[in-house]
Amino acid sequence: VENNLNELARILDPDRFFQVNRNTIAGIDSIGKIADYFNRRVILQLLPDNQEVIVSRERVQEFKEWLKK
């Protein structure tokens, strides 16, 4: 992929994809499980390989609002 993650986050459909941290963009269909994590963060279990990803503290509120859409 020629684009960096920030560019991809702007290109992808914001209703279906969210940049959860500096390293990961998650698709709504790939989120298998959501749980609270230390220090007011959230941890996601992404499908299909059950990879665990932590939503950065700065993005937690925006992530929760995104989920409500």
PDB file of N, CA and C in Angstrom:
ATOM      1  N   VAL A   1       0.846  -1.170   0.000  1.00  0.00           N
ATOM      2  CA  VAL A   1       0.000   0.000   0.000  1.00  0.00           C
ATOM      3  C   VAL A   1       0.892   1.234   0.000  1.00  0.00           C
ATOM      4  N   GLU A   2       0.598   2.159  -0.866  1.00  0.00           N
ATOM      5  CA  GLU A   2       1.429   3.349  -0.990  1.00  0.00           C
ATOM      6  C   GLU A   2       1.071   4.438   0.013  1.00  0.00           C
ATOM      7  N   ASN A   3      -0.138   4.417   0.549  1.00  0.00           N
ATOM      8  CA  ASN A   3      -0.580   5.449   1.475  1.00  0.00           C
ATOM      9  C   ASN A   3      -0.179   5.104   2.903  1.00  0.00           C
ATOM     10  N   ASN A   4       0.054   6.161   3.711  1.00  0.00           N
ATOM     11  CA  ASN A   4       0.299   5.881   5.119  1.00  0.00           C
ATOM     12  C   ASN A   4      -1.054   5.706   5.824  1.00  0.00           C
ATOM     13  N   LEU A   5      -1.027   5.326   7.085  1.00  0.00           N
ATOM     14  CA  LEU A   5      -2.249   4.999   7.805  1.00  0.00           C
ATOM     15  C   LEU A   5      -3.196   6.187   7.918  1.00  0.00           C
ATOM     16  N   ASN A   6      -2.677   7.376   8.167  1.00  0.00           N
ATOM     17  CA  ASN A   6      -3.543   8.557   8.265  1.00  0.00           C
ATOM     18  C   ASN A   6      -4.242   8.843   6.946  1.00  0.00           C
ATOM     19  N   GLU A   7      -3.535   8.672   5.832  1.00  0.00           N
ATOM     20  CA  GLU A   7      -4.140   8.872   4.513  1.00  0.00           C
ATOM     21  C   GLU A   7      -5.214   7.830   4.260  1.00  0.00           C
ATOM     22  N   LEU A   8      -4.936   6.581   4.609  1.00  0.00           N
ATOM     23  CA  LEU A   8      -5.932   5.522   4.432  1.00  0.00           C
ATOM     24  C   LEU A   8      -7.184   5.794   5.266  1.00  0.00           C
ATOM     25  N   ALA A   9      -7.003   6.283   6.478  1.00  0.00           N
ATOM     26  CA  ALA A   9      -8.147   6.580   7.343  1.00  0.00           C
ATOM     27  C   ALA A   9      -9.040   7.636   6.705  1.00  0.00           C
ATOM     28  N   ARG A  10      -8.461   8.576   5.985  1.00  0.00           N
ATOM     29  CA  ARG A  10      -9.250   9.610   5.314  1.00  0.00           C
ATOM     30  C   ARG A  10      -9.937   9.074   4.068  1.00  0.00           C
ATOM     31  N   ILE A  11      -9.321   8.094   3.406  1.00  0.00           N
ATOM     32  CA  ILE A  11      -9.855   7.550   2.160  1.00  0.00           C
ATOM     33  C   ILE A  11     -10.990   6.551   2.415  1.00  0.00           C
ATOM     34  N   LEU A  12     -10.831   5.724   3.428  1.00  0.00           N
ATOM     35  CA  LEU A  12     -11.812   4.674   3.711  1.00  0.00           C
ATOM     36  C   LEU A  12     -13.115   5.260   4.223  1.00  0.00           C
ATOM     37  N   ASP A  13     -14.196   4.514   4.045  1.00  0.00           N
ATOM     38  CA  ASP A  13     -15.529   4.928   4.494  1.00  0.00           C
ATOM     39  C   ASP A  13     -15.536   5.066   6.019  1.00  0.00           C
ATOM     40  N   PRO A  14     -15.744   6.271   6.542  1.00  0.00           N
ATOM     41  CA  PRO A  14     -15.704   6.479   7.993  1.00  0.00           C
ATOM     42  C   PRO A  14     -16.841   5.790   8.746  1.00  0.00           C
ATOM     43  N   ASP A  15     -17.875   5.363   8.046  1.00  0.00           N
ATOM     44  CA  ASP A  15     -18.947   4.611   8.705  1.00  0.00           C
ATOM     45  C   ASP A  15     -18.556   3.157   8.931  1.00  0.00           C
ATOM     46  N   ARG A  16     -17.556   2.681   8.190  1.00  0.00           N
ATOM     47  CA  ARG A  16     -17.173   1.273   8.278  1.00  0.00           C
ATOM     48  C   ARG A  16     -15.785   1.044   8.874  1.00  0.00           C
ATOM     49  N   PHE A  17     -14.920   2.072   8.878  1.00  0.00           N
ATOM     50  CA  PHE A  17     -13.548   1.919   9.347  1.00  0.00           C
ATOM     51  C   PHE A  17     -13.184   3.018  10.335  1.00  0.00           C
ATOM     52  N   PHE A  18     -12.353   2.645  11.330  1.00  0.00           N
ATOM     53  CA  PHE A  18     -11.923   3.590  12.349  1.00  0.00           C
ATOM     54  C   PHE A  18     -10.462   3.326  12.683  1.00  0.00           C
ATOM     55  N   GLN A  19      -9.665   4.393  12.747  1.00  0.00           N
ATOM     56  CA  GLN A  19      -8.267   4.249  13.148  1.00  0.00           C
ATOM     57  C   GLN A  19      -8.215   4.218  14.667  1.00  0.00           C
ATOM     58  N   VAL A  20      -7.970   3.031  15.228  1.00  0.00           N
ATOM     59  CA  VAL A  20      -8.028   2.844  16.681  1.00  0.00           C
ATOM     60  C   VAL A  20      -6.750   3.275  17.387  1.00  0.00           C
ATOM     61  N   ASN A  21      -5.631   3.287  16.672  1.00  0.00           N
ATOM     62  CA  ASN A  21      -4.358   3.736  17.236  1.00  0.00           C
ATOM     63  C   ASN A  21      -3.406   4.052  16.083  1.00  0.00           C
ATOM     64  N   ARG A  22      -2.154   4.317  16.389  1.00  0.00           N
ATOM     65  CA  ARG A  22      -1.189   4.695  15.342  1.00  0.00           C
ATOM     66  C   ARG A  22      -0.918   3.585  14.340  1.00  0.00           C
ATOM     67  N   ASN A  23      -1.215   2.350  14.721  1.00  0.00           N
ATOM     68  CA  ASN A  23      -0.837   1.205  13.887  1.00  0.00           C
ATOM     69  C   ASN A  23      -1.990   0.461  13.237  1.00  0.00           C
ATOM     70  N   THR A  24      -3.228   0.766  13.621  1.00  0.00           N
ATOM     71  CA  THR A  24      -4.326  -0.095  13.207  1.00  0.00           C
ATOM     72  C   THR A  24      -5.571   0.679  12.803  1.00  0.00           C
ATOM     73  N   ILE A  25      -6.138   0.283  11.682  1.00  0.00           N
ATOM     74  CA  ILE A  25      -7.473   0.714  11.276  1.00  0.00           C
ATOM     75  C   ILE A  25      -8.343  -0.535  11.347  1.00  0.00           C
ATOM     76  N   ALA A  26      -9.458  -0.441  12.060  1.00  0.00           N
ATOM     77  CA  ALA A  26     -10.347  -1.590  12.214  1.00  0.00           C
ATOM     78  C   ALA A  26     -11.636  -1.370  11.432  1.00  0.00           C
ATOM     79  N   GLY A  27     -12.094  -2.405  10.776  1.00  0.00           N
ATOM     80  CA  GLY A  27     -13.389  -2.378  10.109  1.00  0.00           C
ATOM     81  C   GLY A  27     -14.463  -2.822  11.089  1.00  0.00           C
ATOM     82  N   ILE A  28     -15.633  -2.239  10.982  1.00  0.00           N
ATOM     83  CA  ILE A  28     -16.716  -2.558  11.909  1.00  0.00           C
ATOM     84  C   ILE A  28     -17.022  -4.062  11.907  1.00  0.00           C
ATOM     85  N   ASP A  29     -16.916  -4.704  10.760  1.00  0.00           N
ATOM     86  CA  ASP A  29     -17.214  -6.136  10.658  1.00  0.00           C
ATOM     87  C   ASP A  29     -16.109  -7.015  11.241  1.00  0.00           C
ATOM     88  N   SER A  30     -14.933  -6.428  11.508  1.00  0.00           N
ATOM     89  CA  SER A  30     -13.825  -7.229  12.031  1.00  0.00           C
ATOM     90  C   SER A  30     -13.758  -7.224  13.559  1.00  0.00           C
ATOM     91  N   ILE A  31     -14.611  -6.453  14.204  1.00  0.00           N
ATOM     92  CA  ILE A  31     -14.570  -6.371  15.664  1.00  0.00           C
ATOM     93  C   ILE A  31     -15.388  -7.510  16.248  1.00  0.00           C
ATOM     94  N   GLY A  32     -14.684  -8.441  16.896  1.00  0.00           N
ATOM     95  CA  GLY A  32     -15.348  -9.600  17.476  1.00  0.00           C
ATOM     96  C   GLY A  32     -15.755  -9.392  18.918  1.00  0.00           C
ATOM     97  N   LYS A  33     -14.942  -8.636  19.654  1.00  0.00           N
ATOM     98  CA  LYS A  33     -15.193  -8.447  21.084  1.00  0.00           C
ATOM     99  C   LYS A  33     -14.601  -7.114  21.512  1.00  0.00           C
ATOM    100  N   ILE A  34     -15.286  -6.439  22.445  1.00  0.00           N
ATOM    101  CA  ILE A  34     -14.828  -5.164  22.990  1.00  0.00           C
ATOM    102  C   ILE A  34     -14.851  -5.277  24.505  1.00  0.00           C
ATOM    103  N   ALA A  35     -13.765  -4.834  25.144  1.00  0.00           N
ATOM    104  CA  ALA A  35     -13.703  -4.888  26.611  1.00  0.00           C
ATOM    105  C   ALA A  35     -12.967  -3.665  27.137  1.00  0.00           C
ATOM    106  N   ASP A  36     -13.321  -3.256  28.356  1.00  0.00           N
ATOM    107  CA  ASP A  36     -12.591  -2.179  29.011  1.00  0.00           C
ATOM    108  C   ASP A  36     -11.182  -2.653  29.321  1.00  0.00           C
ATOM    109  N   TYR A  37     -10.250  -1.709  29.322  1.00  0.00           N
ATOM    110  CA  TYR A  37      -8.844  -2.005  29.544  1.00  0.00           C
ATOM    111  C   TYR A  37      -8.304  -0.990  30.539  1.00  0.00           C
ATOM    112  N   PHE A  38      -7.092  -1.150  30.954  1.00  0.00           N
ATOM    113  CA  PHE A  38      -6.477  -0.265  31.943  1.00  0.00           C
ATOM    114  C   PHE A  38      -6.459   1.192  31.483  1.00  0.00           C
ATOM    115  N   ASN A  39      -6.509   2.090  32.459  1.00  0.00           N
ATOM    116  CA  ASN A  39      -6.315   3.521  32.227  1.00  0.00           C
ATOM    117  C   ASN A  39      -7.319   4.111  31.237  1.00  0.00           C
ATOM    118  N   ARG A  40      -8.599   3.722  31.372  1.00  0.00           N
ATOM    119  CA  ARG A  40      -9.715   4.225  30.555  1.00  0.00           C
ATOM    120  C   ARG A  40      -9.562   3.916  29.067  1.00  0.00           C
ATOM    121  N   ARG A  41      -8.852   2.873  28.742  1.00  0.00           N
ATOM    122  CA  ARG A  41      -8.722   2.462  27.351  1.00  0.00           C
ATOM    123  C   ARG A  41      -9.662   1.299  27.078  1.00  0.00           C
ATOM    124  N   VAL A  42      -9.724   0.904  25.820  1.00  0.00           N
ATOM    125  CA  VAL A  42     -10.579  -0.199  25.376  1.00  0.00           C
ATOM    126  C   VAL A  42      -9.709  -1.157  24.591  1.00  0.00           C
ATOM    127  N   ILE A  43      -9.973  -2.451  24.743  1.00  0.00           N
ATOM    128  CA  ILE A  43      -9.249  -3.459  23.971  1.00  0.00           C
ATOM    129  C   ILE A  43     -10.237  -4.166  23.048  1.00  0.00           C
ATOM    130  N   LEU A  44      -9.801  -4.382  21.811  1.00  0.00           N
ATOM    131  CA  LEU A  44     -10.641  -5.039  20.812  1.00  0.00           C
ATOM    132  C   LEU A  44     -10.033  -6.384  20.451  1.00  0.00           C
ATOM    133  N   GLN A  45     -10.888  -7.324  20.164  1.00  0.00           N
ATOM    134  CA  GLN A  45     -10.452  -8.597  19.606  1.00  0.00           C
ATOM    135  C   GLN A  45     -10.923  -8.593  18.158  1.00  0.00           C
ATOM    136  N   LEU A  46      -9.964  -8.584  17.234  1.00  0.00           N
ATOM    137  CA  LEU A  46     -10.292  -8.475  15.817  1.00  0.00           C
ATOM    138  C   LEU A  46     -10.325  -9.847  15.144  1.00  0.00           C
ATOM    139  N   LEU A  47     -11.294 -10.019  14.292  1.00  0.00           N
ATOM    140  CA  LEU A  47     -11.458 -11.249  13.529  1.00  0.00           C
ATOM    141  C   LEU A  47     -10.661 -11.133  12.235  1.00  0.00           C
ATOM    142  N   PRO A  48     -10.219 -12.165  11.630  1.00  0.00           N
ATOM    143  CA  PRO A  48     -10.520 -13.554  11.928  1.00  0.00           C
ATOM    144  C   PRO A  48      -9.511 -14.222  12.854  1.00  0.00           C
ATOM    145  N   ASP A  49      -8.401 -13.552  13.169  1.00  0.00           N
ATOM    146  CA  ASP A  49      -7.347 -14.229  13.931  1.00  0.00           C
ATOM    147  C   ASP A  49      -7.335 -13.890  15.418  1.00  0.00           C
ATOM    148  N   ASN A  50      -8.371 -13.189  15.905  1.00  0.00           N
ATOM    149  CA  ASN A  50      -8.494 -12.825  17.324  1.00  0.00           C
ATOM    150  C   ASN A  50      -7.339 -11.966  17.828  1.00  0.00           C
ATOM    151  N   GLN A  51      -6.770 -11.173  16.945  1.00  0.00           N
ATOM    152  CA  GLN A  51      -5.706 -10.246  17.337  1.00  0.00           C
ATOM    153  C   GLN A  51      -6.277  -9.218  18.304  1.00  0.00           C
ATOM    154  N   GLU A  52      -5.550  -8.941  19.395  1.00  0.00           N
ATOM    155  CA  GLU A  52      -5.992  -7.943  20.363  1.00  0.00           C
ATOM    156  C   GLU A  52      -5.327  -6.610  20.056  1.00  0.00           C
ATOM    157  N   VAL A  53      -6.148  -5.557  20.012  1.00  0.00           N
ATOM    158  CA  VAL A  53      -5.688  -4.219  19.696  1.00  0.00           C
ATOM    159  C   VAL A  53      -6.253  -3.270  20.739  1.00  0.00           C
ATOM    160  N   ILE A  54      -5.411  -2.368  21.229  1.00  0.00           N
ATOM    161  CA  ILE A  54      -5.845  -1.411  22.238  1.00  0.00           C
ATOM    162  C   ILE A  54      -6.190  -0.087  21.552  1.00  0.00           C
ATOM    163  N   VAL A  55      -7.381   0.426  21.855  1.00  0.00           N
ATOM    164  CA  VAL A  55      -7.776   1.735  21.356  1.00  0.00           C
ATOM    165  C   VAL A  55      -7.047   2.770  22.210  1.00  0.00           C
ATOM    166  N   SER A  56      -6.355   3.682  21.560  1.00  0.00           N
ATOM    167  CA  SER A  56      -5.602   4.683  22.309  1.00  0.00           C
ATOM    168  C   SER A  56      -6.543   5.532  23.156  1.00  0.00           C
ATOM    169  N   ARG A  57      -6.050   5.968  24.290  1.00  0.00           N
ATOM    170  CA  ARG A  57      -6.852   6.735  25.241  1.00  0.00           C
ATOM    171  C   ARG A  57      -7.442   7.982  24.578  1.00  0.00           C
ATOM    172  N   GLU A  58      -6.688   8.600  23.680  1.00  0.00           N
ATOM    173  CA  GLU A  58      -7.151   9.807  23.001  1.00  0.00           C
ATOM    174  C   GLU A  58      -8.310   9.532  22.050  1.00  0.00           C
ATOM    175  N   ARG A  59      -8.461   8.294  21.616  1.00  0.00           N
ATOM    176  CA  ARG A  59      -9.486   7.965  20.622  1.00  0.00           C
ATOM    177  C   ARG A  59     -10.683   7.202  21.207  1.00  0.00           C
ATOM    178  N   VAL A  60     -10.654   6.876  22.477  1.00  0.00           N
ATOM    179  CA  VAL A  60     -11.711   6.048  23.070  1.00  0.00           C
ATOM    180  C   VAL A  60     -13.082   6.691  22.929  1.00  0.00           C
ATOM    181  N   GLN A  61     -13.217   7.968  23.283  1.00  0.00           N
ATOM    182  CA  GLN A  61     -14.520   8.621  23.223  1.00  0.00           C
ATOM    183  C   GLN A  61     -15.045   8.661  21.793  1.00  0.00           C
ATOM    184  N   GLU A  62     -14.176   9.036  20.854  1.00  0.00           N
ATOM    185  CA  GLU A  62     -14.571   9.071  19.450  1.00  0.00           C
ATOM    186  C   GLU A  62     -14.927   7.674  18.948  1.00  0.00           C
ATOM    187  N   PHE A  63     -14.194   6.666  19.396  1.00  0.00           N
ATOM    188  CA  PHE A  63     -14.483   5.284  19.010  1.00  0.00           C
ATOM    189  C   PHE A  63     -15.871   4.860  19.499  1.00  0.00           C
ATOM    190  N   LYS A  64     -16.192   5.170  20.746  1.00  0.00           N
ATOM    191  CA  LYS A  64     -17.512   4.813  21.290  1.00  0.00           C
ATOM    192  C   LYS A  64     -18.632   5.507  20.532  1.00  0.00           C
ATOM    193  N   GLU A  65     -18.420   6.755  20.170  1.00  0.00           N
ATOM    194  CA  GLU A  65     -19.418   7.472  19.369  1.00  0.00           C
ATOM    195  C   GLU A  65     -19.555   6.845  17.984  1.00  0.00           C
ATOM    196  N   TRP A  66     -18.440   6.422  17.404  1.00  0.00           N
ATOM    197  CA  TRP A  66     -18.456   5.770  16.106  1.00  0.00           C
ATOM    198  C   TRP A  66     -19.263   4.475  16.160  1.00  0.00           C
ATOM    199  N   LEU A  67     -19.125   3.726  17.246  1.00  0.00           N
ATOM    200  CA  LEU A  67     -19.855   2.464  17.387  1.00  0.00           C
ATOM    201  C   LEU A  67     -21.364   2.682  17.444  1.00  0.00           C
ATOM    202  N   LYS A  68     -21.790   3.800  18.000  1.00  0.00           N
ATOM    203  CA  LYS A  68     -23.225   4.082  18.151  1.00  0.00           C
ATOM    204  C   LYS A  68     -23.909   4.380  16.835  1.00  0.00           C
ATOM    205  N   LYS A  69     -23.142   4.711  15.788  1.00  0.00           N
ATOM    206  CA  LYS A  69     -23.739   5.049  14.490  1.00  0.00           C
ATOM    207  C   LYS A  69     -24.408   3.869  13.853  1.00  0.00           C
TER     208      LYS A  69
END
